[in-house]
Amino acid sequence: MDPTECSGHSHDHDHADDLGLSLRKYIDIDRVICLNEDVQGAGQSILKLHEERLSDKPSLTSPEDDPELLLTIPFTEAVTMQSITIRNSSSSNDYASPRKVKLFCNREDLDFDDARELDGDQELELLPPEHLADGTIDYPCRPAGRFQNISSVTIFVVDNYDGGRGTEITYVGFKGKGTGSKRLAVETVYETTGMKQDHKVPDEFGGQSLV
């Protein structure tokens, strides 16, 4: 995509009510998990307040020569997610900005093998950070129906703008609205064998989901 092309996304300074649309208050921070993070807890640290979105510290990084990250973000209630922002504000030459990501809704059980094999609910090709150095880019969640009434979102960073370096992310944010449906306590049992598609489990809002 030509970095000067702005179709398919919007800039955060295009909207006067950004802060009101933020889903930050619905994120269950203590339950956020990131696989392959260099520093434990770094995945939680980049879910910053909207007004801190341009800060370059703290950041989330993956190990050298390994661009992949798997960040699972649960919400305290069901939400409708309208857009996502993923930004790297760092000027470090040791890491590269994420390029291709997959989004999965309501899949808190994913590991790297699953994420590589499965199609995401959405796949995004992120623009390089120099496309908008003084703001953030909002990528609409499409198709919209897949991002309604969701309890979690998992972000799989497939690669970055330099496959020979680790990935760095300084901010992840979401816009949308809460639904008021609180999470239910669900006891999840993981089997060491068996096909996932053969099982139905209760979802976190009282229904059943095929996994």
N, C-alpha and C. Protein backbone atom coordinates (compact mmCIF):
# COMPACT_ATOMS: atom_id res chain seq x y z
N MET A 1 0.85 -1.20 0.00
CA MET A 1 0.00 0.00 0.00
C MET A 1 0.88 1.24 0.00
N ASP A 2 0.56 2.17 -0.80
CA ASP A 2 1.29 3.42 -0.85
C ASP A 2 1.11 4.16 0.47
N PRO A 3 2.21 4.51 1.16
CA PRO A 3 2.09 5.17 2.46
C PRO A 3 1.35 6.49 2.41
N THR A 4 1.21 7.08 1.23
CA THR A 4 0.47 8.34 1.15
C THR A 4 -1.02 8.11 0.98
N GLU A 5 -1.42 6.85 0.79
CA GLU A 5 -2.82 6.53 0.56
C GLU A 5 -3.55 6.37 1.89
N CYS A 6 -4.69 7.02 2.06
CA CYS A 6 -5.39 7.00 3.35
C CYS A 6 -6.73 6.30 3.28
N SER A 7 -7.01 5.53 2.24
CA SER A 7 -8.26 4.80 2.19
C SER A 7 -8.18 3.59 3.12
N GLY A 8 -9.33 3.22 3.72
CA GLY A 8 -9.37 2.04 4.57
C GLY A 8 -8.99 2.28 6.01
N HIS A 9 -8.68 3.53 6.37
CA HIS A 9 -8.37 3.84 7.76
C HIS A 9 -8.60 5.32 7.98
N SER A 10 -8.54 5.74 9.25
CA SER A 10 -8.69 7.16 9.56
C SER A 10 -7.63 7.55 10.58
N HIS A 11 -7.41 8.84 10.73
CA HIS A 11 -6.42 9.35 11.67
C HIS A 11 -7.12 9.85 12.92
N ASP A 12 -6.45 9.69 14.07
CA ASP A 12 -7.13 10.01 15.32
C ASP A 12 -7.49 11.47 15.45
N HIS A 13 -6.78 12.37 14.74
CA HIS A 13 -7.12 13.79 14.84
C HIS A 13 -8.29 14.16 13.94
N ASP A 14 -8.87 13.14 13.22
CA ASP A 14 -10.04 13.40 12.39
C ASP A 14 -11.32 13.45 13.20
N HIS A 15 -11.27 13.06 14.48
CA HIS A 15 -12.49 12.90 15.26
C HIS A 15 -12.39 13.68 16.56
N ALA A 16 -13.43 14.40 16.90
CA ALA A 16 -13.41 15.23 18.11
C ALA A 16 -13.73 14.43 19.36
N ASP A 17 -14.36 13.25 19.23
CA ASP A 17 -14.84 12.52 20.40
C ASP A 17 -14.05 11.24 20.62
N ASP A 18 -12.76 11.23 20.24
CA ASP A 18 -11.96 10.02 20.37
C ASP A 18 -11.96 9.45 21.77
N LEU A 19 -11.74 10.31 22.76
CA LEU A 19 -11.61 9.82 24.12
C LEU A 19 -12.89 9.14 24.59
N GLY A 20 -14.04 9.65 24.16
CA GLY A 20 -15.30 9.04 24.55
C GLY A 20 -15.52 7.69 23.93
N LEU A 21 -14.87 7.40 22.79
CA LEU A 21 -15.05 6.13 22.11
C LEU A 21 -14.08 5.06 22.60
N SER A 22 -13.09 5.44 23.40
CA SER A 22 -12.06 4.50 23.81
C SER A 22 -12.65 3.34 24.62
N LEU A 23 -12.18 2.12 24.34
CA LEU A 23 -12.60 0.95 25.10
C LEU A 23 -11.63 0.63 26.24
N ARG A 24 -10.71 1.52 26.51
CA ARG A 24 -9.67 1.28 27.52
C ARG A 24 -10.27 0.91 28.88
N LYS A 25 -11.35 1.55 29.27
CA LYS A 25 -11.92 1.30 30.60
C LYS A 25 -12.55 -0.09 30.72
N TYR A 26 -12.79 -0.75 29.58
CA TYR A 26 -13.39 -2.08 29.61
C TYR A 26 -12.35 -3.20 29.57
N ILE A 27 -11.08 -2.87 29.40
CA ILE A 27 -10.04 -3.90 29.32
C ILE A 27 -9.77 -4.46 30.72
N ASP A 28 -9.74 -5.77 30.81
CA ASP A 28 -9.43 -6.46 32.06
C ASP A 28 -7.90 -6.63 32.12
N ILE A 29 -7.22 -5.58 32.54
CA ILE A 29 -5.76 -5.51 32.44
C ILE A 29 -5.06 -6.69 33.11
N ASP A 30 -5.52 -7.08 34.27
CA ASP A 30 -4.85 -8.13 35.03
C ASP A 30 -4.90 -9.48 34.32
N ARG A 31 -5.82 -9.64 33.37
CA ARG A 31 -5.96 -10.92 32.67
C ARG A 31 -5.37 -10.87 31.26
N VAL A 32 -4.75 -9.77 30.90
CA VAL A 32 -4.09 -9.67 29.60
C VAL A 32 -2.85 -10.56 29.58
N ILE A 33 -2.69 -11.32 28.50
CA ILE A 33 -1.56 -12.24 28.37
C ILE A 33 -0.88 -11.99 27.02
N CYS A 34 0.45 -11.97 27.04
CA CYS A 34 1.20 -11.85 25.79
C CYS A 34 2.24 -12.95 25.74
N LEU A 35 2.21 -13.74 24.67
CA LEU A 35 3.21 -14.78 24.46
C LEU A 35 4.36 -14.22 23.63
N ASN A 36 5.56 -14.60 23.99
CA ASN A 36 6.80 -14.23 23.29
C ASN A 36 7.25 -12.81 23.60
N GLU A 37 6.74 -12.22 24.67
CA GLU A 37 7.20 -10.88 25.03
C GLU A 37 8.58 -10.97 25.70
N ASP A 38 9.44 -10.00 25.39
CA ASP A 38 10.78 -9.96 25.97
C ASP A 38 10.74 -9.74 27.47
N VAL A 39 9.86 -8.86 27.91
CA VAL A 39 9.75 -8.50 29.32
C VAL A 39 8.35 -8.87 29.81
N GLN A 40 8.29 -9.62 30.89
CA GLN A 40 7.00 -10.04 31.42
C GLN A 40 6.15 -8.82 31.80
N GLY A 41 4.90 -8.83 31.36
CA GLY A 41 3.99 -7.74 31.66
C GLY A 41 4.02 -6.61 30.65
N ALA A 42 4.90 -6.70 29.66
CA ALA A 42 5.00 -5.62 28.67
C ALA A 42 3.73 -5.51 27.84
N GLY A 43 3.08 -6.64 27.58
CA GLY A 43 1.84 -6.60 26.80
C GLY A 43 0.76 -5.78 27.49
N GLN A 44 0.71 -5.85 28.81
CA GLN A 44 -0.25 -5.03 29.56
C GLN A 44 0.11 -3.55 29.49
N SER A 45 1.40 -3.27 29.47
CA SER A 45 1.86 -1.89 29.60
C SER A 45 1.56 -1.02 28.39
N ILE A 46 1.35 -1.62 27.22
CA ILE A 46 1.10 -0.81 26.01
C ILE A 46 -0.39 -0.51 25.81
N LEU A 47 -1.24 -1.02 26.69
CA LEU A 47 -2.67 -0.71 26.63
C LEU A 47 -2.89 0.59 27.41
N LYS A 48 -2.31 1.66 26.88
CA LYS A 48 -2.23 2.94 27.59
C LYS A 48 -3.52 3.73 27.47
N LEU A 49 -3.62 4.75 28.30
CA LEU A 49 -4.71 5.71 28.17
C LEU A 49 -4.58 6.43 26.82
N HIS A 50 -5.70 6.89 26.30
CA HIS A 50 -5.71 7.53 24.99
C HIS A 50 -4.75 8.71 24.92
N GLU A 51 -4.66 9.49 25.99
CA GLU A 51 -3.81 10.67 25.97
C GLU A 51 -2.32 10.31 26.03
N GLU A 52 -2.00 9.03 26.31
CA GLU A 52 -0.60 8.59 26.34
C GLU A 52 -0.21 7.80 25.10
N ARG A 53 -1.06 7.81 24.09
CA ARG A 53 -0.87 6.93 22.93
C ARG A 53 0.39 7.23 22.11
N LEU A 54 0.91 8.45 22.17
CA LEU A 54 2.08 8.80 21.38
C LEU A 54 3.39 8.59 22.13
N SER A 55 3.33 8.20 23.39
CA SER A 55 4.55 7.99 24.18
C SER A 55 5.29 6.75 23.67
N ASP A 56 6.61 6.79 23.74
CA ASP A 56 7.40 5.66 23.24
C ASP A 56 7.80 4.68 24.34
N LYS A 57 7.50 4.98 25.59
CA LYS A 57 7.78 4.08 26.71
C LYS A 57 6.56 4.01 27.61
N PRO A 58 6.29 2.83 28.18
CA PRO A 58 6.95 1.55 27.93
C PRO A 58 6.56 0.98 26.57
N SER A 59 7.26 -0.07 26.17
CA SER A 59 6.97 -0.71 24.89
C SER A 59 6.97 -2.23 25.05
N LEU A 60 6.39 -2.88 24.07
CA LEU A 60 6.36 -4.34 24.00
C LEU A 60 7.30 -4.78 22.89
N THR A 61 8.21 -5.70 23.20
CA THR A 61 9.13 -6.20 22.18
C THR A 61 9.15 -7.72 22.17
N SER A 62 9.45 -8.26 21.00
CA SER A 62 9.66 -9.70 20.85
C SER A 62 11.17 -9.95 20.78
N PRO A 63 11.60 -11.20 20.96
CA PRO A 63 13.03 -11.50 20.93
C PRO A 63 13.66 -11.19 19.57
N GLU A 64 14.96 -11.03 19.57
CA GLU A 64 15.71 -10.76 18.34
C GLU A 64 15.46 -11.86 17.32
N ASP A 65 15.30 -11.46 16.07
CA ASP A 65 15.10 -12.39 14.93
C ASP A 65 13.77 -13.13 14.99
N ASP A 66 12.86 -12.71 15.85
CA ASP A 66 11.56 -13.38 15.96
C ASP A 66 10.47 -12.31 16.02
N PRO A 67 9.76 -12.07 14.92
CA PRO A 67 8.79 -10.96 14.89
C PRO A 67 7.46 -11.27 15.55
N GLU A 68 7.17 -12.52 15.88
CA GLU A 68 5.83 -12.91 16.31
C GLU A 68 5.52 -12.51 17.75
N LEU A 69 4.29 -12.04 17.95
CA LEU A 69 3.73 -11.77 19.27
C LEU A 69 2.28 -12.24 19.27
N LEU A 70 1.80 -12.70 20.41
CA LEU A 70 0.41 -13.14 20.52
C LEU A 70 -0.17 -12.51 21.78
N LEU A 71 -0.96 -11.46 21.59
CA LEU A 71 -1.49 -10.64 22.69
C LEU A 71 -2.99 -10.86 22.82
N THR A 72 -3.41 -11.41 23.97
CA THR A 72 -4.82 -11.69 24.22
C THR A 72 -5.35 -10.71 25.24
N ILE A 73 -6.44 -10.01 24.86
CA ILE A 73 -6.98 -8.92 25.67
C ILE A 73 -8.44 -9.20 25.99
N PRO A 74 -8.75 -9.59 27.23
CA PRO A 74 -10.14 -9.79 27.63
C PRO A 74 -10.77 -8.47 28.10
N PHE A 75 -12.08 -8.40 27.99
CA PHE A 75 -12.82 -7.23 28.44
C PHE A 75 -13.67 -7.59 29.66
N THR A 76 -13.98 -6.59 30.45
CA THR A 76 -14.78 -6.82 31.66
C THR A 76 -16.26 -6.98 31.35
N GLU A 77 -16.67 -6.55 30.17
CA GLU A 77 -18.03 -6.78 29.69
C GLU A 77 -17.98 -6.90 28.18
N ALA A 78 -19.05 -7.41 27.60
CA ALA A 78 -19.10 -7.54 26.15
C ALA A 78 -19.02 -6.16 25.51
N VAL A 79 -18.26 -6.06 24.43
CA VAL A 79 -18.10 -4.78 23.75
C VAL A 79 -18.34 -4.95 22.26
N THR A 80 -18.64 -3.84 21.61
CA THR A 80 -18.63 -3.76 20.15
C THR A 80 -17.39 -2.97 19.77
N MET A 81 -16.51 -3.60 19.05
CA MET A 81 -15.23 -2.98 18.68
C MET A 81 -15.35 -2.42 17.26
N GLN A 82 -15.16 -1.12 17.13
CA GLN A 82 -15.32 -0.46 15.84
C GLN A 82 -14.00 -0.23 15.11
N SER A 83 -12.91 -0.03 15.87
CA SER A 83 -11.61 0.17 15.23
C SER A 83 -10.50 -0.20 16.20
N ILE A 84 -9.32 -0.42 15.62
CA ILE A 84 -8.14 -0.77 16.40
C ILE A 84 -6.98 0.10 15.96
N THR A 85 -6.12 0.44 16.90
CA THR A 85 -4.90 1.18 16.64
C THR A 85 -3.72 0.39 17.18
N ILE A 86 -2.71 0.21 16.34
CA ILE A 86 -1.46 -0.44 16.75
C ILE A 86 -0.33 0.46 16.28
N ARG A 87 0.48 0.93 17.23
CA ARG A 87 1.48 1.94 16.90
C ARG A 87 2.84 1.61 17.50
N ASN A 88 3.90 1.98 16.78
CA ASN A 88 5.25 1.95 17.32
C ASN A 88 5.84 3.35 17.21
N SER A 89 5.98 4.03 18.34
CA SER A 89 6.53 5.38 18.37
C SER A 89 8.03 5.39 18.60
N SER A 90 8.62 4.23 18.82
CA SER A 90 10.03 4.17 19.17
C SER A 90 10.92 4.49 17.97
N SER A 91 12.03 5.12 18.24
CA SER A 91 13.03 5.41 17.19
C SER A 91 14.18 4.41 17.24
N SER A 92 14.05 3.38 18.04
CA SER A 92 15.11 2.38 18.18
C SER A 92 15.34 1.64 16.87
N ASN A 93 16.61 1.39 16.56
CA ASN A 93 16.95 0.60 15.38
C ASN A 93 17.09 -0.88 15.69
N ASP A 94 16.89 -1.23 16.94
CA ASP A 94 17.02 -2.63 17.34
C ASP A 94 15.79 -3.46 17.02
N TYR A 95 14.67 -2.78 16.81
CA TYR A 95 13.41 -3.46 16.55
C TYR A 95 12.71 -2.85 15.35
N ALA A 96 11.71 -3.54 14.83
CA ALA A 96 10.95 -3.06 13.68
C ALA A 96 9.47 -2.97 14.03
N SER A 97 8.75 -2.12 13.31
CA SER A 97 7.31 -1.95 13.53
C SER A 97 6.54 -3.12 12.94
N PRO A 98 5.42 -3.49 13.57
CA PRO A 98 4.61 -4.59 13.04
C PRO A 98 4.05 -4.25 11.67
N ARG A 99 3.94 -5.25 10.82
CA ARG A 99 3.43 -5.03 9.46
C ARG A 99 2.10 -5.78 9.23
N LYS A 100 2.11 -7.07 9.44
CA LYS A 100 0.90 -7.87 9.21
C LYS A 100 0.42 -8.45 10.52
N VAL A 101 -0.88 -8.29 10.80
CA VAL A 101 -1.47 -8.84 12.02
C VAL A 101 -2.78 -9.55 11.69
N LYS A 102 -3.12 -10.52 12.54
CA LYS A 102 -4.44 -11.17 12.49
C LYS A 102 -5.17 -10.83 13.79
N LEU A 103 -6.47 -10.64 13.68
CA LEU A 103 -7.33 -10.42 14.84
C LEU A 103 -8.28 -11.59 15.01
N PHE A 104 -8.39 -12.10 16.23
CA PHE A 104 -9.31 -13.18 16.56
C PHE A 104 -10.23 -12.73 17.68
N CYS A 105 -11.51 -12.94 17.53
CA CYS A 105 -12.49 -12.59 18.56
C CYS A 105 -12.85 -13.82 19.39
N ASN A 106 -12.92 -13.65 20.71
CA ASN A 106 -13.38 -14.70 21.62
C ASN A 106 -12.57 -15.98 21.50
N ARG A 107 -11.26 -15.84 21.35
CA ARG A 107 -10.39 -17.01 21.27
C ARG A 107 -9.22 -16.85 22.24
N GLU A 108 -9.51 -16.98 23.52
CA GLU A 108 -8.50 -16.84 24.54
C GLU A 108 -7.64 -18.10 24.69
N ASP A 109 -7.96 -19.13 23.91
CA ASP A 109 -7.25 -20.41 24.00
C ASP A 109 -6.15 -20.57 22.96
N LEU A 110 -5.89 -19.57 22.15
CA LEU A 110 -4.98 -19.72 21.02
C LEU A 110 -3.53 -19.83 21.47
N ASP A 111 -2.76 -20.67 20.76
CA ASP A 111 -1.31 -20.64 20.86
C ASP A 111 -0.76 -20.26 19.48
N PHE A 112 0.55 -20.24 19.33
CA PHE A 112 1.14 -19.79 18.08
C PHE A 112 0.78 -20.72 16.92
N ASP A 113 0.74 -22.02 17.16
CA ASP A 113 0.39 -22.94 16.08
C ASP A 113 -1.02 -22.67 15.57
N ASP A 114 -1.96 -22.45 16.50
CA ASP A 114 -3.33 -22.12 16.11
C ASP A 114 -3.37 -20.82 15.31
N ALA A 115 -2.69 -19.81 15.82
CA ALA A 115 -2.74 -18.49 15.19
C ALA A 115 -2.15 -18.50 13.78
N ARG A 116 -1.09 -19.28 13.59
CA ARG A 116 -0.50 -19.38 12.25
C ARG A 116 -1.43 -20.10 11.29
N GLU A 117 -2.09 -21.14 11.77
CA GLU A 117 -2.89 -22.00 10.90
C GLU A 117 -4.26 -21.42 10.56
N LEU A 118 -4.91 -20.79 11.54
CA LEU A 118 -6.28 -20.35 11.37
C LEU A 118 -6.37 -18.99 10.66
N ASP A 119 -7.47 -18.80 9.95
CA ASP A 119 -7.77 -17.47 9.41
C ASP A 119 -8.27 -16.59 10.54
N GLY A 120 -7.82 -15.35 10.58
CA GLY A 120 -8.32 -14.44 11.59
C GLY A 120 -9.70 -13.91 11.24
N ASP A 121 -10.38 -13.34 12.22
CA ASP A 121 -11.63 -12.65 11.93
C ASP A 121 -11.35 -11.43 11.05
N GLN A 122 -10.14 -10.91 11.14
CA GLN A 122 -9.69 -9.84 10.25
C GLN A 122 -8.18 -9.92 10.15
N GLU A 123 -7.65 -9.62 8.97
CA GLU A 123 -6.22 -9.53 8.77
C GLU A 123 -5.89 -8.13 8.27
N LEU A 124 -4.88 -7.53 8.89
CA LEU A 124 -4.53 -6.14 8.59
C LEU A 124 -3.10 -6.03 8.11
N GLU A 125 -2.89 -5.18 7.13
CA GLU A 125 -1.55 -4.77 6.70
C GLU A 125 -1.36 -3.36 7.23
N LEU A 126 -0.53 -3.22 8.26
CA LEU A 126 -0.37 -1.93 8.92
C LEU A 126 0.56 -1.02 8.11
N LEU A 127 0.24 0.25 8.13
CA LEU A 127 1.10 1.23 7.50
C LEU A 127 2.33 1.49 8.38
N PRO A 128 3.45 1.86 7.80
CA PRO A 128 4.63 2.17 8.61
C PRO A 128 4.39 3.41 9.46
N PRO A 129 5.06 3.53 10.61
CA PRO A 129 4.79 4.63 11.53
C PRO A 129 5.04 6.01 10.92
N GLU A 130 5.94 6.12 9.93
CA GLU A 130 6.20 7.42 9.33
C GLU A 130 5.02 7.94 8.52
N HIS A 131 4.02 7.09 8.27
CA HIS A 131 2.82 7.54 7.57
C HIS A 131 2.12 8.65 8.35
N LEU A 132 2.16 8.56 9.68
CA LEU A 132 1.55 9.60 10.53
C LEU A 132 2.38 9.69 11.80
N ALA A 133 3.42 10.51 11.74
CA ALA A 133 4.37 10.57 12.85
C ALA A 133 3.79 11.22 14.10
N ASP A 134 2.80 12.09 13.94
CA ASP A 134 2.29 12.85 15.09
C ASP A 134 0.88 12.44 15.48
N GLY A 135 0.47 11.24 15.13
CA GLY A 135 -0.86 10.78 15.50
C GLY A 135 -0.94 9.27 15.39
N THR A 136 -2.13 8.72 15.52
CA THR A 136 -2.34 7.29 15.39
C THR A 136 -3.33 7.02 14.27
N ILE A 137 -3.28 5.80 13.77
CA ILE A 137 -4.13 5.39 12.66
C ILE A 137 -5.18 4.41 13.17
N ASP A 138 -6.45 4.70 12.88
CA ASP A 138 -7.56 3.83 13.27
C ASP A 138 -7.90 2.92 12.09
N TYR A 139 -7.80 1.61 12.31
CA TYR A 139 -8.17 0.63 11.29
C TYR A 139 -9.56 0.09 11.62
N PRO A 140 -10.57 0.31 10.75
CA PRO A 140 -11.92 -0.17 11.04
C PRO A 140 -11.96 -1.69 11.17
N CYS A 141 -12.76 -2.18 12.09
CA CYS A 141 -12.94 -3.62 12.26
C CYS A 141 -14.01 -4.11 11.30
N ARG A 142 -13.61 -4.97 10.38
CA ARG A 142 -14.52 -5.44 9.34
C ARG A 142 -14.32 -6.94 9.11
N PRO A 143 -15.41 -7.68 8.81
CA PRO A 143 -16.79 -7.20 8.81
C PRO A 143 -17.27 -6.88 10.22
N ALA A 144 -18.06 -5.82 10.32
CA ALA A 144 -18.45 -5.28 11.63
C ALA A 144 -19.15 -6.31 12.50
N GLY A 145 -19.93 -7.21 11.88
CA GLY A 145 -20.69 -8.19 12.65
C GLY A 145 -19.84 -9.12 13.49
N ARG A 146 -18.61 -9.36 13.07
CA ARG A 146 -17.74 -10.26 13.82
C ARG A 146 -17.21 -9.61 15.10
N PHE A 147 -17.30 -8.30 15.19
CA PHE A 147 -16.74 -7.58 16.33
C PHE A 147 -17.82 -7.01 17.25
N GLN A 148 -19.01 -7.57 17.17
CA GLN A 148 -20.10 -7.16 18.05
C GLN A 148 -20.25 -8.15 19.20
N ASN A 149 -20.47 -7.62 20.40
CA ASN A 149 -20.74 -8.45 21.57
C ASN A 149 -19.59 -9.44 21.83
N ILE A 150 -18.36 -8.97 21.76
CA ILE A 150 -17.22 -9.85 21.96
C ILE A 150 -16.68 -9.71 23.38
N SER A 151 -16.09 -10.79 23.89
CA SER A 151 -15.56 -10.80 25.25
C SER A 151 -14.05 -10.64 25.28
N SER A 152 -13.39 -10.86 24.15
CA SER A 152 -11.94 -10.70 24.09
C SER A 152 -11.51 -10.56 22.64
N VAL A 153 -10.31 -10.02 22.47
CA VAL A 153 -9.69 -9.97 21.15
C VAL A 153 -8.24 -10.41 21.30
N THR A 154 -7.78 -11.21 20.36
CA THR A 154 -6.39 -11.65 20.34
C THR A 154 -5.71 -11.11 19.10
N ILE A 155 -4.56 -10.49 19.30
CA ILE A 155 -3.78 -9.89 18.22
C ILE A 155 -2.56 -10.77 17.97
N PHE A 156 -2.45 -11.30 16.76
CA PHE A 156 -1.29 -12.09 16.38
C PHE A 156 -0.45 -11.28 15.41
N VAL A 157 0.75 -10.89 15.84
CA VAL A 157 1.67 -10.19 14.95
C VAL A 157 2.41 -11.24 14.13
N VAL A 158 2.13 -11.25 12.83
CA VAL A 158 2.69 -12.26 11.93
C VAL A 158 4.12 -11.90 11.54
N ASP A 159 4.33 -10.64 11.15
CA ASP A 159 5.67 -10.21 10.78
C ASP A 159 5.79 -8.70 10.95
N ASN A 160 6.98 -8.19 10.68
CA ASN A 160 7.22 -6.76 10.82
C ASN A 160 7.92 -6.22 9.57
N TYR A 161 8.34 -4.97 9.63
CA TYR A 161 8.95 -4.33 8.47
C TYR A 161 10.42 -4.69 8.27
N ASP A 162 10.95 -5.58 9.12
CA ASP A 162 12.30 -6.09 8.95
C ASP A 162 12.34 -7.45 9.62
N GLY A 163 12.18 -8.50 8.82
CA GLY A 163 12.08 -9.85 9.37
C GLY A 163 13.29 -10.30 10.15
N GLY A 164 14.41 -9.58 10.04
CA GLY A 164 15.61 -9.96 10.75
C GLY A 164 15.70 -9.40 12.16
N ARG A 165 14.70 -8.62 12.57
CA ARG A 165 14.71 -8.03 13.90
C ARG A 165 13.43 -8.38 14.64
N GLY A 166 13.44 -8.16 15.95
CA GLY A 166 12.23 -8.34 16.74
C GLY A 166 11.24 -7.22 16.46
N THR A 167 10.01 -7.40 16.94
CA THR A 167 8.94 -6.43 16.77
C THR A 167 8.85 -5.54 17.99
N GLU A 168 8.52 -4.27 17.77
CA GLU A 168 8.27 -3.35 18.89
C GLU A 168 6.93 -2.65 18.67
N ILE A 169 6.14 -2.58 19.75
CA ILE A 169 4.85 -1.89 19.74
C ILE A 169 4.81 -1.00 20.98
N THR A 170 4.38 0.24 20.82
CA THR A 170 4.31 1.15 21.97
C THR A 170 2.87 1.46 22.38
N TYR A 171 1.90 1.12 21.54
CA TYR A 171 0.50 1.43 21.91
C TYR A 171 -0.45 0.53 21.14
N VAL A 172 -1.43 0.00 21.86
CA VAL A 172 -2.59 -0.67 21.26
C VAL A 172 -3.83 -0.06 21.88
N GLY A 173 -4.77 0.35 21.05
CA GLY A 173 -6.02 0.93 21.54
C GLY A 173 -7.20 0.50 20.69
N PHE A 174 -8.38 0.61 21.28
CA PHE A 174 -9.61 0.21 20.60
C PHE A 174 -10.66 1.30 20.77
N LYS A 175 -11.53 1.42 19.77
CA LYS A 175 -12.68 2.31 19.87
C LYS A 175 -13.94 1.51 19.62
N GLY A 176 -15.00 1.91 20.30
CA GLY A 176 -16.26 1.20 20.17
C GLY A 176 -17.17 1.56 21.32
N LYS A 177 -17.90 0.58 21.83
CA LYS A 177 -18.82 0.84 22.93
C LYS A 177 -19.04 -0.44 23.73
N GLY A 178 -19.33 -0.26 25.02
CA GLY A 178 -19.69 -1.38 25.87
C GLY A 178 -21.15 -1.74 25.68
N THR A 179 -21.50 -2.97 26.04
CA THR A 179 -22.88 -3.42 25.89
C THR A 179 -23.61 -3.52 27.22
N GLY A 180 -22.86 -3.49 28.33
CA GLY A 180 -23.48 -3.65 29.65
C GLY A 180 -23.62 -5.09 30.09
N SER A 181 -23.27 -6.05 29.22
CA SER A 181 -23.33 -7.47 29.58
C SER A 181 -22.03 -7.88 30.24
N LYS A 182 -22.09 -8.14 31.53
CA LYS A 182 -20.90 -8.47 32.29
C LYS A 182 -20.44 -9.90 32.01
N ARG A 183 -19.12 -10.10 32.16
CA ARG A 183 -18.56 -11.45 31.99
C ARG A 183 -19.07 -12.37 33.08
N LEU A 184 -19.30 -13.64 32.71
CA LEU A 184 -19.64 -14.67 33.68
C LEU A 184 -18.37 -15.45 34.01
N ALA A 185 -18.31 -15.97 35.24
CA ALA A 185 -17.18 -16.80 35.61
C ALA A 185 -17.33 -18.15 34.92
N VAL A 186 -16.38 -18.49 34.07
CA VAL A 186 -16.43 -19.73 33.31
C VAL A 186 -15.18 -20.54 33.62
N GLU A 187 -15.37 -21.77 34.04
CA GLU A 187 -14.23 -22.65 34.29
C GLU A 187 -13.90 -23.34 32.99
N THR A 188 -12.69 -23.14 32.49
CA THR A 188 -12.27 -23.71 31.22
C THR A 188 -11.33 -24.87 31.48
N VAL A 189 -11.60 -26.01 30.84
CA VAL A 189 -10.76 -27.18 30.97
C VAL A 189 -10.12 -27.45 29.61
N TYR A 190 -8.80 -27.49 29.55
CA TYR A 190 -8.10 -27.75 28.31
C TYR A 190 -7.70 -29.22 28.25
N GLU A 191 -7.99 -29.85 27.12
CA GLU A 191 -7.65 -31.24 26.94
C GLU A 191 -6.31 -31.35 26.24
N THR A 192 -5.56 -32.39 26.58
CA THR A 192 -4.27 -32.59 25.93
C THR A 192 -4.44 -33.29 24.59
N THR A 193 -5.59 -33.95 24.38
CA THR A 193 -5.88 -34.59 23.11
C THR A 193 -7.30 -34.26 22.72
N GLY A 194 -7.63 -34.58 21.45
CA GLY A 194 -9.00 -34.33 21.00
C GLY A 194 -9.04 -33.16 20.05
N MET A 195 -10.04 -33.14 19.20
CA MET A 195 -10.20 -32.11 18.20
C MET A 195 -11.04 -30.98 18.77
N LYS A 196 -10.54 -29.74 18.66
CA LYS A 196 -11.24 -28.61 19.24
C LYS A 196 -12.62 -28.41 18.62
N GLN A 197 -12.75 -28.75 17.33
CA GLN A 197 -14.03 -28.49 16.68
C GLN A 197 -15.13 -29.46 17.14
N ASP A 198 -14.74 -30.48 17.92
CA ASP A 198 -15.72 -31.46 18.39
C ASP A 198 -16.39 -31.04 19.68
N HIS A 199 -16.01 -29.92 20.25
CA HIS A 199 -16.48 -29.57 21.58
C HIS A 199 -17.26 -28.27 21.57
N LYS A 200 -18.32 -28.22 22.35
CA LYS A 200 -19.04 -26.98 22.61
C LYS A 200 -18.78 -26.58 24.05
N VAL A 201 -18.48 -25.31 24.26
CA VAL A 201 -18.25 -24.83 25.61
C VAL A 201 -19.12 -23.62 25.84
N PRO A 202 -19.51 -23.35 27.10
CA PRO A 202 -20.31 -22.16 27.37
C PRO A 202 -19.47 -20.92 27.15
N ASP A 203 -20.07 -19.92 26.45
CA ASP A 203 -19.33 -18.67 26.31
C ASP A 203 -19.52 -17.84 27.57
N GLU A 204 -18.90 -16.69 27.61
CA GLU A 204 -18.84 -15.94 28.86
C GLU A 204 -20.06 -15.08 29.10
N PHE A 205 -21.03 -15.17 28.21
CA PHE A 205 -22.25 -14.38 28.38
C PHE A 205 -23.48 -15.27 28.35
N GLY A 206 -23.28 -16.59 28.67
CA GLY A 206 -24.42 -17.46 28.90
C GLY A 206 -24.80 -18.37 27.76
N GLY A 207 -24.29 -18.15 26.52
CA GLY A 207 -24.63 -19.00 25.40
C GLY A 207 -23.62 -20.12 25.26
N GLN A 208 -23.60 -20.75 24.05
CA GLN A 208 -22.64 -21.79 23.78
C GLN A 208 -21.87 -21.43 22.53
N SER A 209 -20.59 -21.77 22.52
CA SER A 209 -19.75 -21.49 21.37
C SER A 209 -19.09 -22.78 20.94
N LEU A 210 -18.98 -22.99 19.63
CA LEU A 210 -18.30 -24.16 19.08
C LEU A 210 -16.84 -23.82 18.96
N VAL A 211 -15.98 -24.58 19.64
CA VAL A 211 -14.56 -24.35 19.58
C VAL A 211 -13.84 -25.59 19.03
